[in-house]
Amino acid sequence: MKAVVLERTCKSEEMIVKDVPIPAVKPGWVLVKIKAFGINRSEVSLRSYEADAPYIKLPRIPGIECVGEIVDPSDSNFKNGQRVVALMGGMGRSFDGSYAEYVLLPVSHVFSANTELDLDWTEMAAIPETFFTAYGSLYDCLQIQSEDIVLIHAATSALGFAAIQLAKSIGCTVIGTTRKEERLEFLKEIGADFAMLDDGTLSKQVMKAFPSGITKILELVGEASIEETSKLLKKHGIICSTGQLGGSSMQGFDVIKSIPNGVYLSSFYSNYPTQEIIDEIFNHIKQYNLKPHISKVFTLDEIAKAHILMEENKANGKIVILVN
């Protein structure tokens, strides 16, 4: 099969496709023919520096998510030809992932896909990790309700776009932020009620629009912004730290002093998907007729171009690799 094999940290343009053996099936694992997969920031981090860490055993095929069909169900309850999604659980780090034509996966992190949705493989590939993270952050951690005013900090990421769609689907008022003025209009086009420029005056802009504060915040920038954005919340408001687009440094962050009294801090860790949650997400997408925002579709041979696009921060939506 064709696969991208990471043998060391490297630049995007150094990634190449190689011929490697199709994985041998073993008990508790299933073989999936990959139809498409999405590109994620964590894969860029793995390729650029994390692969040097001692807990990463090289060589490794990256990729934390995919969609495809079962070609060998082994001892599982899956059937040949069944459409599935797979994500997380060590995929692309502890064992080989989705940057390939076939992938051997633990049955615990492979899930039946809702085949009633009118989605092609490209659209399907934009859902697993992105919508799972957005859905869990909003509905589990933030516990959003239709009356909520939700700020999505760094909303022009693929995760931000999904969060806007999911929050708007139930009637929330959504504020989307960006550091690029040219993306303000795009945020409104995809559903944000307010598009605000994160230029150092974000707090003033939010408080001008909502003098009594807002109720929920999806923080995708990271710890560096929590102290500032949490002060925009009403008492008993919730902030969920999910992304690390601004880095993961905790220097100077004191959770007792940094979080206002009566404000709740939560976080979402996407390593534990379940069939129940995957079903909920697909049912929600079907009920509200949602379509994932896709930036660009590449082939497996164009993996370097896909990583370059992500590193340049120019993608308006999910970057997808179509394998078949």
Protein backbone atom coordinates (compact mmCIF):
# COMPACT_ATOMS: atom_id res chain seq x y z
CA MET A 1 0.00 0.00 0.00
CA LYS A 2 0.96 3.67 -0.26
CA ALA A 3 1.68 5.45 3.00
CA VAL A 4 3.44 8.48 4.45
CA VAL A 5 6.09 7.17 6.83
CA LEU A 6 7.62 9.55 9.35
CA GLU A 7 11.19 8.45 10.09
CA ARG A 8 12.31 11.72 11.71
CA THR A 9 11.10 15.25 12.26
CA CYS A 10 11.08 17.12 8.98
CA LYS A 11 9.73 20.01 6.97
CA SER A 12 6.40 19.72 5.17
CA GLU A 13 8.04 19.46 1.76
CA GLU A 14 10.15 16.52 2.94
CA MET A 15 7.11 14.28 3.44
CA ILE A 16 6.83 11.62 0.75
CA VAL A 17 4.65 8.63 -0.05
CA LYS A 18 6.26 5.18 0.10
CA ASP A 19 5.24 1.60 -0.62
CA VAL A 20 4.86 -0.43 2.59
CA PRO A 21 3.16 -3.74 3.45
CA ILE A 22 -0.55 -3.76 4.27
CA PRO A 23 -0.83 -4.40 8.04
CA ALA A 24 -1.53 -7.95 9.16
CA VAL A 25 -4.81 -8.34 11.05
CA LYS A 26 -4.77 -9.46 14.68
CA PRO A 27 -7.43 -10.11 17.36
CA GLY A 28 -9.08 -6.98 18.73
CA TRP A 29 -8.06 -4.95 15.68
CA VAL A 30 -9.79 -4.33 12.33
CA LEU A 31 -8.40 -3.48 8.91
CA VAL A 32 -9.92 -0.40 7.28
CA LYS A 33 -9.62 0.68 3.64
CA ILE A 34 -9.20 4.43 4.00
CA LYS A 35 -11.35 6.57 1.74
CA ALA A 36 -10.37 9.99 3.14
CA PHE A 37 -8.98 11.71 6.22
CA GLY A 38 -8.67 15.19 7.67
CA ILE A 39 -5.46 17.04 8.51
CA ASN A 40 -4.98 18.20 12.11
CA ARG A 41 -2.65 20.55 13.96
CA SER A 42 -1.42 17.70 16.13
CA GLU A 43 -0.07 15.95 13.03
CA VAL A 44 1.83 19.08 12.03
CA SER A 45 3.28 19.19 15.56
CA LEU A 46 4.24 15.51 15.36
CA ARG A 47 5.99 15.97 12.04
CA SER A 48 7.77 19.20 12.93
CA TYR A 49 9.02 18.48 16.48
CA GLU A 50 7.08 15.96 18.60
CA ALA A 51 8.44 12.91 16.78
CA ASP A 52 11.74 13.55 18.56
CA ALA A 53 10.09 12.84 21.92
CA PRO A 54 11.05 9.50 23.54
CA TYR A 55 7.42 8.32 23.74
CA ILE A 56 7.11 8.37 19.93
CA LYS A 57 8.53 5.20 18.39
CA LEU A 58 9.69 5.80 14.81
CA PRO A 59 9.12 5.00 12.04
CA ARG A 60 5.45 5.91 12.31
CA ILE A 61 2.59 6.53 9.89
CA PRO A 62 0.85 9.71 11.20
CA GLY A 63 -2.86 10.50 11.19
CA ILE A 64 -5.35 10.66 14.05
CA GLU A 65 -8.60 10.17 12.12
CA CYS A 66 -10.10 8.67 8.97
CA VAL A 67 -13.25 7.44 7.26
CA GLY A 68 -13.47 4.28 5.21
CA GLU A 69 -14.73 0.72 4.92
CA ILE A 70 -14.00 -2.45 6.86
CA VAL A 71 -12.03 -4.93 4.72
CA ASP A 72 -11.23 -7.40 7.51
CA PRO A 73 -13.34 -7.29 10.70
CA SER A 74 -11.16 -9.87 12.50
CA ASP A 75 -13.01 -11.01 15.66
CA SER A 76 -15.17 -7.85 15.92
CA ASN A 77 -18.87 -7.35 15.20
CA PHE A 78 -18.15 -5.21 12.15
CA LYS A 79 -18.98 -6.50 8.66
CA ASN A 80 -16.98 -6.40 5.45
CA GLY A 81 -17.79 -3.23 3.53
CA GLN A 82 -19.28 -1.44 6.55
CA ARG A 83 -18.71 2.32 6.53
CA VAL A 84 -16.82 3.51 9.59
CA VAL A 85 -15.10 6.48 11.15
CA ALA A 86 -12.05 6.19 13.38
CA LEU A 87 -10.25 8.67 15.59
CA MET A 88 -7.83 9.09 18.48
CA GLY A 89 -6.89 6.41 21.01
CA GLY A 90 -3.19 6.56 20.11
CA MET A 91 -3.81 6.56 16.38
CA GLY A 92 -0.81 7.95 14.50
CA ARG A 93 1.31 8.09 17.64
CA SER A 94 1.22 4.85 19.63
CA PHE A 95 0.48 2.87 16.46
CA ASP A 96 0.31 3.64 12.75
CA GLY A 97 -2.40 6.04 11.65
CA SER A 98 -4.36 7.21 8.64
CA TYR A 99 -1.80 8.68 6.22
CA ALA A 100 -2.11 5.52 4.12
CA GLU A 101 -4.40 3.44 1.92
CA TYR A 102 -5.12 0.93 4.70
CA VAL A 103 -4.91 1.14 8.49
CA LEU A 104 -5.07 -1.46 11.27
CA LEU A 105 -7.04 -0.07 14.19
CA PRO A 106 -8.16 -1.20 17.66
CA VAL A 107 -11.86 -1.97 17.50
CA SER A 108 -12.44 0.31 20.51
CA HIS A 109 -11.78 3.41 18.39
CA VAL A 110 -13.61 2.42 15.21
CA PHE A 111 -17.27 3.46 14.94
CA SER A 112 -20.14 2.76 12.61
CA ALA A 113 -20.97 5.79 10.45
CA ASN A 114 -24.51 6.99 9.82
CA THR A 115 -25.07 6.00 6.19
CA GLU A 116 -28.37 7.93 5.96
CA LEU A 117 -26.51 11.23 5.70
CA ASP A 118 -26.13 12.63 2.19
CA LEU A 119 -22.37 13.13 2.55
CA ASP A 120 -19.60 12.03 0.22
CA TRP A 121 -16.30 10.68 1.55
CA THR A 122 -14.71 14.14 1.47
CA GLU A 123 -17.46 15.66 3.59
CA MET A 124 -17.50 12.64 5.90
CA ALA A 125 -13.75 13.01 6.49
CA ALA A 126 -14.24 16.56 7.76
CA ILE A 127 -16.41 15.35 10.65
CA PRO A 128 -14.76 12.86 13.07
CA GLU A 129 -12.14 14.72 15.11
CA THR A 130 -13.35 18.26 14.40
CA PHE A 131 -17.04 17.76 15.17
CA PHE A 132 -16.34 15.36 18.04
CA THR A 133 -14.18 18.01 19.72
CA ALA A 134 -16.57 20.87 18.99
CA TYR A 135 -19.63 18.88 20.07
CA GLY A 136 -18.03 17.67 23.31
CA SER A 137 -16.73 21.13 24.17
CA LEU A 138 -20.07 22.82 23.57
CA TYR A 139 -22.63 20.30 24.79
CA ASP A 140 -20.73 18.45 27.50
CA CYS A 141 -18.30 21.01 28.93
CA LEU A 142 -20.10 24.30 28.22
CA GLN A 143 -23.60 22.79 28.45
CA ILE A 144 -24.88 25.31 25.92
CA GLN A 145 -28.55 26.24 25.76
CA SER A 146 -30.42 28.25 23.13
CA GLU A 147 -30.35 31.40 25.29
CA ASP A 148 -26.56 31.39 25.68
CA ILE A 149 -24.21 34.03 24.31
CA VAL A 150 -21.19 32.02 23.18
CA LEU A 151 -17.78 33.48 22.38
CA ILE A 152 -15.60 31.29 20.16
CA HIS A 153 -12.06 32.55 20.53
CA ALA A 154 -10.06 31.90 17.32
CA ALA A 155 -13.14 30.94 15.36
CA THR A 156 -11.54 30.71 11.92
CA SER A 157 -10.01 27.30 12.59
CA ALA A 158 -11.86 24.23 11.29
CA LEU A 159 -12.85 23.53 14.90
CA GLY A 160 -14.13 27.09 15.24
CA PHE A 161 -16.27 26.76 12.13
CA ALA A 162 -17.81 23.53 13.41
CA ALA A 163 -18.47 25.15 16.79
CA ILE A 164 -20.26 28.08 15.14
CA GLN A 165 -22.48 25.69 13.21
CA LEU A 166 -23.30 23.57 16.24
CA ALA A 167 -24.03 26.53 18.53
CA LYS A 168 -26.16 28.33 15.94
CA SER A 169 -28.11 25.16 15.17
CA ILE A 170 -29.86 25.38 18.56
CA GLY A 171 -30.26 29.17 18.54
CA CYS A 172 -27.30 30.47 20.53
CA THR A 173 -25.98 33.98 19.94
CA VAL A 174 -22.44 33.46 18.66
CA ILE A 175 -19.44 35.77 18.73
CA GLY A 176 -16.59 34.64 16.50
CA THR A 177 -13.12 36.18 16.75
CA THR A 178 -10.19 36.38 14.37
CA ARG A 179 -6.84 38.15 14.23
CA LYS A 180 -7.23 38.77 10.50
CA GLU A 181 -9.53 41.57 9.40
CA GLU A 182 -10.14 39.94 6.01
CA ARG A 183 -11.83 36.99 7.75
CA LEU A 184 -14.44 39.00 9.64
CA GLU A 185 -16.99 38.88 6.82
CA PHE A 186 -16.40 35.16 6.35
CA LEU A 187 -17.26 34.50 10.00
CA LYS A 188 -20.63 36.17 9.46
CA GLU A 189 -21.18 34.20 6.27
CA ILE A 190 -20.83 30.89 8.11
CA GLY A 191 -23.25 31.96 10.84
CA ALA A 192 -21.61 34.08 13.54
CA ASP A 193 -23.90 36.84 14.82
CA PHE A 194 -20.90 38.99 15.73
CA ALA A 195 -17.44 38.91 14.14
CA MET A 196 -14.80 40.66 16.23
CA LEU A 197 -11.17 41.45 15.51
CA ASP A 198 -8.82 40.09 18.18
CA ASP A 199 -6.49 43.09 18.04
CA GLY A 200 -5.99 43.86 21.74
CA THR A 201 -9.38 45.49 22.12
CA LEU A 202 -11.50 42.32 22.16
CA SER A 203 -12.67 42.78 25.76
CA LYS A 204 -13.88 46.32 25.02
CA GLN A 205 -15.71 45.14 21.90
CA VAL A 206 -17.48 42.33 23.75
CA MET A 207 -18.47 44.50 26.72
CA LYS A 208 -19.75 47.21 24.39
CA ALA A 209 -22.05 44.71 22.69
CA PHE A 210 -22.94 42.88 25.93
CA PRO A 211 -22.43 45.23 28.92
CA SER A 212 -23.62 42.65 31.44
CA GLY A 213 -21.28 39.98 30.07
CA ILE A 214 -21.67 36.72 28.19
CA THR A 215 -22.44 33.20 29.37
CA LYS A 216 -20.09 30.74 27.61
CA ILE A 217 -16.63 30.81 26.03
CA LEU A 218 -14.95 28.20 23.85
CA GLU A 219 -11.26 29.06 24.28
CA LEU A 220 -9.22 27.81 21.33
CA VAL A 221 -6.18 30.07 21.78
CA GLY A 222 -5.03 28.45 25.01
CA GLU A 223 -3.93 29.27 28.54
CA ALA A 224 -2.39 32.57 27.50
CA SER A 225 -5.87 34.00 26.89
CA ILE A 226 -7.92 32.41 29.66
CA GLU A 227 -7.27 35.10 32.25
CA GLU A 228 -8.49 37.84 29.90
CA THR A 229 -11.44 36.10 28.27
CA SER A 230 -12.80 34.57 31.49
CA LYS A 231 -13.41 38.10 32.81
CA LEU A 232 -16.02 38.57 30.07
CA LEU A 233 -18.30 35.99 31.65
CA LYS A 234 -21.30 36.60 33.83
CA LYS A 235 -21.32 34.97 37.24
CA HIS A 236 -21.61 31.20 36.86
CA GLY A 237 -20.54 31.45 33.23
CA ILE A 238 -18.32 28.67 31.86
CA ILE A 239 -15.10 28.77 29.85
CA CYS A 240 -13.87 25.62 28.12
CA SER A 241 -10.20 25.42 27.16
CA THR A 242 -9.98 23.14 24.14
CA GLY A 243 -7.41 24.49 21.69
CA GLN A 244 -3.77 25.51 21.93
CA LEU A 245 -3.46 27.76 18.88
CA GLY A 246 -1.57 30.32 20.95
CA GLY A 247 0.79 27.82 22.55
CA SER A 248 0.58 25.81 25.76
CA SER A 249 2.74 27.83 28.14
CA MET A 250 1.31 28.16 31.65
CA GLN A 251 3.89 30.73 32.74
CA GLY A 252 2.28 33.29 35.02
CA PHE A 253 -1.09 31.50 35.01
CA ASP A 254 -2.45 31.01 38.54
CA VAL A 255 -5.83 29.31 38.31
CA ILE A 256 -6.95 30.74 41.69
CA LYS A 257 -6.01 34.31 40.87
CA SER A 258 -6.68 34.22 37.15
CA ILE A 259 -10.25 32.89 37.13
CA PRO A 260 -12.92 35.24 38.56
CA ASN A 261 -14.96 34.00 41.52
CA GLY A 262 -18.11 32.25 40.40
CA VAL A 263 -16.76 31.45 36.92
CA TYR A 264 -16.26 27.82 35.95
CA LEU A 265 -13.22 26.55 34.03
CA SER A 266 -13.53 23.32 32.07
CA SER A 267 -11.59 21.58 29.31
CA PHE A 268 -12.20 18.97 26.65
CA TYR A 269 -9.84 16.08 25.90
CA SER A 270 -10.78 14.27 22.69
CA ASN A 271 -9.10 10.92 23.34
CA TYR A 272 -12.23 9.03 24.41
CA PRO A 273 -14.88 8.87 21.68
CA THR A 274 -17.75 6.40 21.96
CA GLN A 275 -20.30 4.99 19.53
CA GLU A 276 -23.04 6.76 21.48
CA ILE A 277 -21.42 10.18 21.03
CA ILE A 278 -20.59 9.54 17.36
CA ASP A 279 -24.26 8.63 16.80
CA GLU A 280 -25.36 11.81 18.57
CA ILE A 281 -23.12 13.92 16.35
CA PHE A 282 -24.31 12.36 13.10
CA ASN A 283 -27.93 12.60 14.24
CA HIS A 284 -27.42 16.28 15.11
CA ILE A 285 -25.83 16.95 11.71
CA LYS A 286 -28.76 15.25 10.01
CA GLN A 287 -31.43 16.95 12.13
CA TYR A 288 -30.08 20.45 11.48
CA ASN A 289 -28.84 19.77 7.94
CA LEU A 290 -25.28 20.84 8.70
CA LYS A 291 -22.44 20.63 6.17
CA PRO A 292 -18.79 20.76 7.23
CA HIS A 293 -16.72 23.62 5.84
CA ILE A 294 -13.93 22.22 3.69
CA SER A 295 -10.96 24.35 2.75
CA LYS A 296 -9.27 22.20 0.11
CA VAL A 297 -9.04 18.58 -0.94
CA PHE A 298 -5.70 16.96 -1.78
CA THR A 299 -4.58 13.49 -2.79
CA LEU A 300 -2.28 11.36 -0.64
CA ASP A 301 0.61 12.22 -2.95
CA GLU A 302 -0.03 15.89 -2.16
CA ILE A 303 0.39 15.49 1.60
CA ALA A 304 3.23 18.04 1.69
CA LYS A 305 0.99 20.70 0.10
CA ALA A 306 -1.70 19.98 2.69
CA HIS A 307 0.73 20.50 5.58
CA ILE A 308 2.10 23.69 4.03
CA LEU A 309 -1.43 25.09 3.73
CA MET A 310 -2.11 24.38 7.39
CA GLU A 311 1.19 25.89 8.51
CA GLU A 312 0.46 29.04 6.54
CA ASN A 313 -2.86 29.44 8.43
CA LYS A 314 -4.68 30.16 5.19
CA ALA A 315 -7.21 27.34 5.28
CA ASN A 316 -10.83 28.43 5.69
CA GLY A 317 -12.15 25.11 6.90
CA LYS A 318 -11.00 21.51 7.11
CA ILE A 319 -8.16 20.26 4.92
CA VAL A 320 -9.03 16.80 3.59
CA ILE A 321 -6.99 14.08 1.86
CA LEU A 322 -9.02 11.95 -0.54
CA VAL A 323 -7.35 8.54 -0.75
CA ASN A 324 -9.40 6.59 -3.31
